[in-house]
Amino acid sequence: MGERAVDITEVLADTGCSQELIDRAESLLKSGYTEDLIRCLKLCRCDLMDELHEQYKKIDYLDHVIRQTEKTK
């Protein structure tokens, strides 16, 4: 496994991607399917963005409750 594959594997693991996705990305890289690898990485990015948006929604809701509670002081 080359240095580039290790970097991708580490990045995907560090960002919380599933082992299945990590294995798939590693396989695509080894096979030279760069376009498919990019698609795979973009899917992982989309999943992370969806999680981020869900967290933002929770924060916004909590901020709303805080503001409403502060108004009742």
PDB file of N, CA and C in Angstrom:
ATOM      1  N   MET A   1       0.847  -1.172   0.000  1.00  0.00           N
ATOM      2  CA  MET A   1       0.000   0.000   0.000  1.00  0.00           C
ATOM      3  C   MET A   1       0.896   1.240   0.000  1.00  0.00           C
ATOM      4  N   GLY A   2       0.645   2.184  -0.914  1.00  0.00           N
ATOM      5  CA  GLY A   2       1.476   3.372  -1.023  1.00  0.00           C
ATOM      6  C   GLY A   2       1.140   4.405   0.030  1.00  0.00           C
ATOM      7  N   GLU A   3       1.980   5.418   0.096  1.00  0.00           N
ATOM      8  CA  GLU A   3       1.796   6.478   1.082  1.00  0.00           C
ATOM      9  C   GLU A   3       0.461   7.188   0.894  1.00  0.00           C
ATOM     10  N   ARG A   4       0.084   7.402  -0.358  1.00  0.00           N
ATOM     11  CA  ARG A   4      -1.180   8.093  -0.650  1.00  0.00           C
ATOM     12  C   ARG A   4      -2.366   7.314  -0.091  1.00  0.00           C
ATOM     13  N   ALA A   5      -2.362   5.988  -0.215  1.00  0.00           N
ATOM     14  CA  ALA A   5      -3.448   5.155   0.295  1.00  0.00           C
ATOM     15  C   ALA A   5      -3.533   5.260   1.813  1.00  0.00           C
ATOM     16  N   VAL A   6      -2.392   5.277   2.471  1.00  0.00           N
ATOM     17  CA  VAL A   6      -2.379   5.408   3.923  1.00  0.00           C
ATOM     18  C   VAL A   6      -2.986   6.745   4.325  1.00  0.00           C
ATOM     19  N   ASP A   7      -2.636   7.804   3.632  1.00  0.00           N
ATOM     20  CA  ASP A   7      -3.176   9.121   3.942  1.00  0.00           C
ATOM     21  C   ASP A   7      -4.696   9.139   3.805  1.00  0.00           C
ATOM     22  N   ILE A   8      -5.214   8.585   2.717  1.00  0.00           N
ATOM     23  CA  ILE A   8      -6.659   8.556   2.507  1.00  0.00           C
ATOM     24  C   ILE A   8      -7.325   7.717   3.592  1.00  0.00           C
ATOM     25  N   THR A   9      -6.751   6.578   3.896  1.00  0.00           N
ATOM     26  CA  THR A   9      -7.310   5.717   4.933  1.00  0.00           C
ATOM     27  C   THR A   9      -7.353   6.447   6.268  1.00  0.00           C
ATOM     28  N   GLU A  10      -6.279   7.110   6.615  1.00  0.00           N
ATOM     29  CA  GLU A  10      -6.223   7.846   7.881  1.00  0.00           C
ATOM     30  C   GLU A  10      -7.230   8.983   7.911  1.00  0.00           C
ATOM     31  N   VAL A  11      -7.321   9.713   6.814  1.00  0.00           N
ATOM     32  CA  VAL A  11      -8.262  10.835   6.758  1.00  0.00           C
ATOM     33  C   VAL A  11      -9.690  10.336   6.913  1.00  0.00           C
ATOM     34  N   LEU A  12     -10.041   9.293   6.185  1.00  0.00           N
ATOM     35  CA  LEU A  12     -11.399   8.764   6.274  1.00  0.00           C
ATOM     36  C   LEU A  12     -11.700   8.235   7.672  1.00  0.00           C
ATOM     37  N   ALA A  13     -10.741   7.575   8.277  1.00  0.00           N
ATOM     38  CA  ALA A  13     -10.939   7.078   9.645  1.00  0.00           C
ATOM     39  C   ALA A  13     -11.083   8.242  10.622  1.00  0.00           C
ATOM     40  N   ASP A  14     -10.230   9.248  10.471  1.00  0.00           N
ATOM     41  CA  ASP A  14     -10.273  10.410  11.361  1.00  0.00           C
ATOM     42  C   ASP A  14     -11.573  11.196  11.234  1.00  0.00           C
ATOM     43  N   THR A  15     -12.181  11.164  10.054  1.00  0.00           N
ATOM     44  CA  THR A  15     -13.416  11.918   9.857  1.00  0.00           C
ATOM     45  C   THR A  15     -14.648  11.097  10.213  1.00  0.00           C
ATOM     46  N   GLY A  16     -14.454   9.857  10.631  1.00  0.00           N
ATOM     47  CA  GLY A  16     -15.567   9.045  11.096  1.00  0.00           C
ATOM     48  C   GLY A  16     -16.275   8.245  10.021  1.00  0.00           C
ATOM     49  N   CYS A  17     -15.659   8.098   8.863  1.00  0.00           N
ATOM     50  CA  CYS A  17     -16.272   7.297   7.803  1.00  0.00           C
ATOM     51  C   CYS A  17     -16.274   5.826   8.213  1.00  0.00           C
ATOM     52  N   SER A  18     -17.233   5.091   7.689  1.00  0.00           N
ATOM     53  CA  SER A  18     -17.356   3.681   8.030  1.00  0.00           C
ATOM     54  C   SER A  18     -16.177   2.884   7.475  1.00  0.00           C
ATOM     55  N   GLN A  19     -15.927   1.752   8.099  1.00  0.00           N
ATOM     56  CA  GLN A  19     -14.850   0.882   7.621  1.00  0.00           C
ATOM     57  C   GLN A  19     -15.157   0.396   6.210  1.00  0.00           C
ATOM     58  N   GLU A  20     -16.437   0.188   5.923  1.00  0.00           N
ATOM     59  CA  GLU A  20     -16.843  -0.231   4.579  1.00  0.00           C
ATOM     60  C   GLU A  20     -16.429   0.809   3.536  1.00  0.00           C
ATOM     61  N   LEU A  21     -16.670   2.079   3.833  1.00  0.00           N
ATOM     62  CA  LEU A  21     -16.291   3.142   2.901  1.00  0.00           C
ATOM     63  C   LEU A  21     -14.771   3.246   2.796  1.00  0.00           C
ATOM     64  N   ILE A  22     -14.086   3.101   3.905  1.00  0.00           N
ATOM     65  CA  ILE A  22     -12.618   3.148   3.902  1.00  0.00           C
ATOM     66  C   ILE A  22     -12.061   2.031   3.023  1.00  0.00           C
ATOM     67  N   ASP A  23     -12.597   0.829   3.189  1.00  0.00           N
ATOM     68  CA  ASP A  23     -12.139  -0.304   2.394  1.00  0.00           C
ATOM     69  C   ASP A  23     -12.416  -0.079   0.910  1.00  0.00           C
ATOM     70  N   ARG A  24     -13.596   0.457   0.617  1.00  0.00           N
ATOM     71  CA  ARG A  24     -13.954   0.712  -0.783  1.00  0.00           C
ATOM     72  C   ARG A  24     -13.014   1.747  -1.392  1.00  0.00           C
ATOM     73  N   ALA A  25     -12.755   2.822  -0.664  1.00  0.00           N
ATOM     74  CA  ALA A  25     -11.869   3.873  -1.169  1.00  0.00           C
ATOM     75  C   ALA A  25     -10.469   3.332  -1.399  1.00  0.00           C
ATOM     76  N   GLU A  26     -10.001   2.528  -0.473  1.00  0.00           N
ATOM     77  CA  GLU A  26      -8.667   1.937  -0.605  1.00  0.00           C
ATOM     78  C   GLU A  26      -8.603   1.035  -1.841  1.00  0.00           C
ATOM     79  N   SER A  27      -9.639   0.256  -2.053  1.00  0.00           N
ATOM     80  CA  SER A  27      -9.698  -0.639  -3.215  1.00  0.00           C
ATOM     81  C   SER A  27      -9.720   0.155  -4.521  1.00  0.00           C
ATOM     82  N   LEU A  28     -10.528   1.206  -4.549  1.00  0.00           N
ATOM     83  CA  LEU A  28     -10.601   2.048  -5.746  1.00  0.00           C
ATOM     84  C   LEU A  28      -9.251   2.688  -6.047  1.00  0.00           C
ATOM     85  N   LEU A  29      -8.583   3.133  -5.000  1.00  0.00           N
ATOM     86  CA  LEU A  29      -7.266   3.751  -5.176  1.00  0.00           C
ATOM     87  C   LEU A  29      -6.266   2.749  -5.739  1.00  0.00           C
ATOM     88  N   LYS A  30      -6.240   1.565  -5.148  1.00  0.00           N
ATOM     89  CA  LYS A  30      -5.310   0.527  -5.612  1.00  0.00           C
ATOM     90  C   LYS A  30      -5.590   0.126  -7.057  1.00  0.00           C
ATOM     91  N   SER A  31      -6.865   0.135  -7.437  1.00  0.00           N
ATOM     92  CA  SER A  31      -7.264  -0.278  -8.788  1.00  0.00           C
ATOM     93  C   SER A  31      -7.094   0.828  -9.813  1.00  0.00           C
ATOM     94  N   GLY A  32      -6.808   2.040  -9.326  1.00  0.00           N
ATOM     95  CA  GLY A  32      -6.607   3.160 -10.243  1.00  0.00           C
ATOM     96  C   GLY A  32      -7.890   3.818 -10.714  1.00  0.00           C
ATOM     97  N   TYR A  33      -9.002   3.537 -10.054  1.00  0.00           N
ATOM     98  CA  TYR A  33     -10.284   4.129 -10.421  1.00  0.00           C
ATOM     99  C   TYR A  33     -10.449   5.481  -9.736  1.00  0.00           C
ATOM    100  N   THR A  34      -9.700   6.451 -10.206  1.00  0.00           N
ATOM    101  CA  THR A  34      -9.644   7.761  -9.569  1.00  0.00           C
ATOM    102  C   THR A  34     -11.000   8.460  -9.547  1.00  0.00           C
ATOM    103  N   GLU A  35     -11.723   8.419 -10.658  1.00  0.00           N
ATOM    104  CA  GLU A  35     -13.031   9.086 -10.708  1.00  0.00           C
ATOM    105  C   GLU A  35     -14.004   8.469  -9.708  1.00  0.00           C
ATOM    106  N   ASP A  36     -13.996   7.146  -9.606  1.00  0.00           N
ATOM    107  CA  ASP A  36     -14.861   6.467  -8.642  1.00  0.00           C
ATOM    108  C   ASP A  36     -14.425   6.785  -7.211  1.00  0.00           C
ATOM    109  N   LEU A  37     -13.125   6.893  -6.999  1.00  0.00           N
ATOM    110  CA  LEU A  37     -12.608   7.254  -5.682  1.00  0.00           C
ATOM    111  C   LEU A  37     -13.088   8.651  -5.306  1.00  0.00           C
ATOM    112  N   ILE A  38     -13.009   9.568  -6.234  1.00  0.00           N
ATOM    113  CA  ILE A  38     -13.462  10.934  -5.970  1.00  0.00           C
ATOM    114  C   ILE A  38     -14.950  10.941  -5.618  1.00  0.00           C
ATOM    115  N   ARG A  39     -15.741  10.164  -6.368  1.00  0.00           N
ATOM    116  CA  ARG A  39     -17.176  10.059  -6.070  1.00  0.00           C
ATOM    117  C   ARG A  39     -17.395   9.506  -4.661  1.00  0.00           C
ATOM    118  N   CYS A  40     -16.622   8.513  -4.300  1.00  0.00           N
ATOM    119  CA  CYS A  40     -16.708   7.897  -2.979  1.00  0.00           C
ATOM    120  C   CYS A  40     -16.380   8.919  -1.883  1.00  0.00           C
ATOM    121  N   LEU A  41     -15.319   9.683  -2.097  1.00  0.00           N
ATOM    122  CA  LEU A  41     -14.922  10.713  -1.135  1.00  0.00           C
ATOM    123  C   LEU A  41     -15.981  11.803  -1.023  1.00  0.00           C
ATOM    124  N   LYS A  42     -16.579  12.165  -2.143  1.00  0.00           N
ATOM    125  CA  LYS A  42     -17.628  13.185  -2.129  1.00  0.00           C
ATOM    126  C   LYS A  42     -18.870  12.689  -1.387  1.00  0.00           C
ATOM    127  N   LEU A  43     -19.164  11.399  -1.513  1.00  0.00           N
ATOM    128  CA  LEU A  43     -20.290  10.842  -0.758  1.00  0.00           C
ATOM    129  C   LEU A  43     -20.036  10.932   0.739  1.00  0.00           C
ATOM    130  N   CYS A  44     -18.823  10.627   1.140  1.00  0.00           N
ATOM    131  CA  CYS A  44     -18.461  10.736   2.546  1.00  0.00           C
ATOM    132  C   CYS A  44     -18.593  12.186   3.009  1.00  0.00           C
ATOM    133  N   ARG A  45     -18.160  13.105   2.178  1.00  0.00           N
ATOM    134  CA  ARG A  45     -18.261  14.530   2.500  1.00  0.00           C
ATOM    135  C   ARG A  45     -19.725  14.941   2.642  1.00  0.00           C
ATOM    136  N   CYS A  46     -20.567  14.461   1.748  1.00  0.00           N
ATOM    137  CA  CYS A  46     -22.000  14.784   1.825  1.00  0.00           C
ATOM    138  C   CYS A  46     -22.606  14.262   3.119  1.00  0.00           C
ATOM    139  N   ASP A  47     -22.223  13.059   3.508  1.00  0.00           N
ATOM    140  CA  ASP A  47     -22.719  12.501   4.769  1.00  0.00           C
ATOM    141  C   ASP A  47     -22.305  13.374   5.954  1.00  0.00           C
ATOM    142  N   LEU A  48     -21.054  13.822   5.939  1.00  0.00           N
ATOM    143  CA  LEU A  48     -20.573  14.691   7.014  1.00  0.00           C
ATOM    144  C   LEU A  48     -21.306  16.032   7.020  1.00  0.00           C
ATOM    145  N   MET A  49     -21.579  16.568   5.839  1.00  0.00           N
ATOM    146  CA  MET A  49     -22.317  17.832   5.756  1.00  0.00           C
ATOM    147  C   MET A  49     -23.741  17.663   6.275  1.00  0.00           C
ATOM    148  N   ASP A  50     -24.370  16.538   5.968  1.00  0.00           N
ATOM    149  CA  ASP A  50     -25.711  16.271   6.496  1.00  0.00           C
ATOM    150  C   ASP A  50     -25.693  16.224   8.022  1.00  0.00           C
ATOM    151  N   GLU A  51     -24.695  15.568   8.582  1.00  0.00           N
ATOM    152  CA  GLU A  51     -24.554  15.513  10.041  1.00  0.00           C
ATOM    153  C   GLU A  51     -24.355  16.911  10.610  1.00  0.00           C
ATOM    154  N   LEU A  52     -23.534  17.699   9.952  1.00  0.00           N
ATOM    155  CA  LEU A  52     -23.272  19.066  10.403  1.00  0.00           C
ATOM    156  C   LEU A  52     -24.561  19.889  10.402  1.00  0.00           C
ATOM    157  N   HIS A  53     -25.341  19.783   9.349  1.00  0.00           N
ATOM    158  CA  HIS A  53     -26.598  20.527   9.265  1.00  0.00           C
ATOM    159  C   HIS A  53     -27.565  20.104  10.364  1.00  0.00           C
ATOM    160  N   GLU A  54     -27.598  18.828  10.666  1.00  0.00           N
ATOM    161  CA  GLU A  54     -28.452  18.352  11.760  1.00  0.00           C
ATOM    162  C   GLU A  54     -28.009  18.944  13.094  1.00  0.00           C
ATOM    163  N   GLN A  55     -26.704  19.031  13.295  1.00  0.00           N
ATOM    164  CA  GLN A  55     -26.190  19.625  14.535  1.00  0.00           C
ATOM    165  C   GLN A  55     -26.526  21.118  14.603  1.00  0.00           C
ATOM    166  N   TYR A  56     -26.422  21.817  13.469  1.00  0.00           N
ATOM    167  CA  TYR A  56     -26.791  23.231  13.418  1.00  0.00           C
ATOM    168  C   TYR A  56     -28.259  23.425  13.771  1.00  0.00           C
ATOM    169  N   LYS A  57     -29.121  22.542  13.296  1.00  0.00           N
ATOM    170  CA  LYS A  57     -30.543  22.639  13.618  1.00  0.00           C
ATOM    171  C   LYS A  57     -30.757  22.521  15.125  1.00  0.00           C
ATOM    172  N   LYS A  58     -30.052  21.598  15.747  1.00  0.00           N
ATOM    173  CA  LYS A  58     -30.165  21.412  17.189  1.00  0.00           C
ATOM    174  C   LYS A  58     -29.674  22.645  17.941  1.00  0.00           C
ATOM    175  N   ILE A  59     -28.572  23.210  17.477  1.00  0.00           N
ATOM    176  CA  ILE A  59     -28.021  24.412  18.107  1.00  0.00           C
ATOM    177  C   ILE A  59     -28.987  25.581  17.947  1.00  0.00           C
ATOM    178  N   ASP A  60     -29.543  25.747  16.753  1.00  0.00           N
ATOM    179  CA  ASP A  60     -30.516  26.823  16.524  1.00  0.00           C
ATOM    180  C   ASP A  60     -31.717  26.675  17.444  1.00  0.00           C
ATOM    181  N   TYR A  61     -32.193  25.459  17.607  1.00  0.00           N
ATOM    182  CA  TYR A  61     -33.336  25.218  18.471  1.00  0.00           C
ATOM    183  C   TYR A  61     -32.988  25.542  19.918  1.00  0.00           C
ATOM    184  N   LEU A  62     -31.820  25.120  20.351  1.00  0.00           N
ATOM    185  CA  LEU A  62     -31.374  25.418  21.706  1.00  0.00           C
ATOM    186  C   LEU A  62     -31.210  26.925  21.910  1.00  0.00           C
ATOM    187  N   ASP A  63     -30.652  27.621  20.919  1.00  0.00           N
ATOM    188  CA  ASP A  63     -30.533  29.086  20.992  1.00  0.00           C
ATOM    189  C   ASP A  63     -31.902  29.733  21.137  1.00  0.00           C
ATOM    190  N   HIS A  64     -32.877  29.224  20.409  1.00  0.00           N
ATOM    191  CA  HIS A  64     -34.242  29.751  20.500  1.00  0.00           C
ATOM    192  C   HIS A  64     -34.792  29.576  21.919  1.00  0.00           C
ATOM    193  N   VAL A  65     -34.589  28.402  22.495  1.00  0.00           N
ATOM    194  CA  VAL A  65     -35.069  28.142  23.862  1.00  0.00           C
ATOM    195  C   VAL A  65     -34.357  29.059  24.845  1.00  0.00           C
ATOM    196  N   ILE A  66     -33.062  29.267  24.662  1.00  0.00           N
ATOM    197  CA  ILE A  66     -32.311  30.173  25.531  1.00  0.00           C
ATOM    198  C   ILE A  66     -32.874  31.585  25.451  1.00  0.00           C
ATOM    199  N   ARG A  67     -33.100  32.077  24.226  1.00  0.00           N
ATOM    200  CA  ARG A  67     -33.652  33.436  24.065  1.00  0.00           C
ATOM    201  C   ARG A  67     -35.027  33.562  24.701  1.00  0.00           C
ATOM    202  N   GLN A  68     -35.853  32.562  24.489  1.00  0.00           N
ATOM    203  CA  GLN A  68     -37.198  32.606  25.069  1.00  0.00           C
ATOM    204  C   GLN A  68     -37.126  32.578  26.593  1.00  0.00           C
ATOM    205  N   THR A  69     -36.220  31.802  27.142  1.00  0.00           N
ATOM    206  CA  THR A  69     -36.062  31.720  28.595  1.00  0.00           C
ATOM    207  C   THR A  69     -35.531  33.028  29.156  1.00  0.00           C
ATOM    208  N   GLU A  70     -34.598  33.651  28.431  1.00  0.00           N
ATOM    209  CA  GLU A  70     -34.043  34.943  28.880  1.00  0.00           C
ATOM    210  C   GLU A  70     -35.126  36.010  28.892  1.00  0.00           C
ATOM    211  N   LYS A  71     -36.052  35.960  27.964  1.00  0.00           N
ATOM    212  CA  LYS A  71     -37.131  36.952  27.898  1.00  0.00           C
ATOM    213  C   LYS A  71     -38.073  36.857  29.094  1.00  0.00           C
ATOM    214  N   THR A  72     -38.149  35.684  29.696  1.00  0.00           N
ATOM    215  CA  THR A  72     -39.074  35.499  30.823  1.00  0.00           C
ATOM    216  C   THR A  72     -38.484  35.914  32.165  1.00  0.00           C
ATOM    217  N   LYS A  73     -37.229  36.353  32.160  1.00  0.00           N
ATOM    218  CA  LYS A  73     -36.599  36.801  33.420  1.00  0.00           C
ATOM    219  C   LYS A  73     -37.283  38.020  33.958  1.00  0.00           C
TER     220      LYS A  73
END
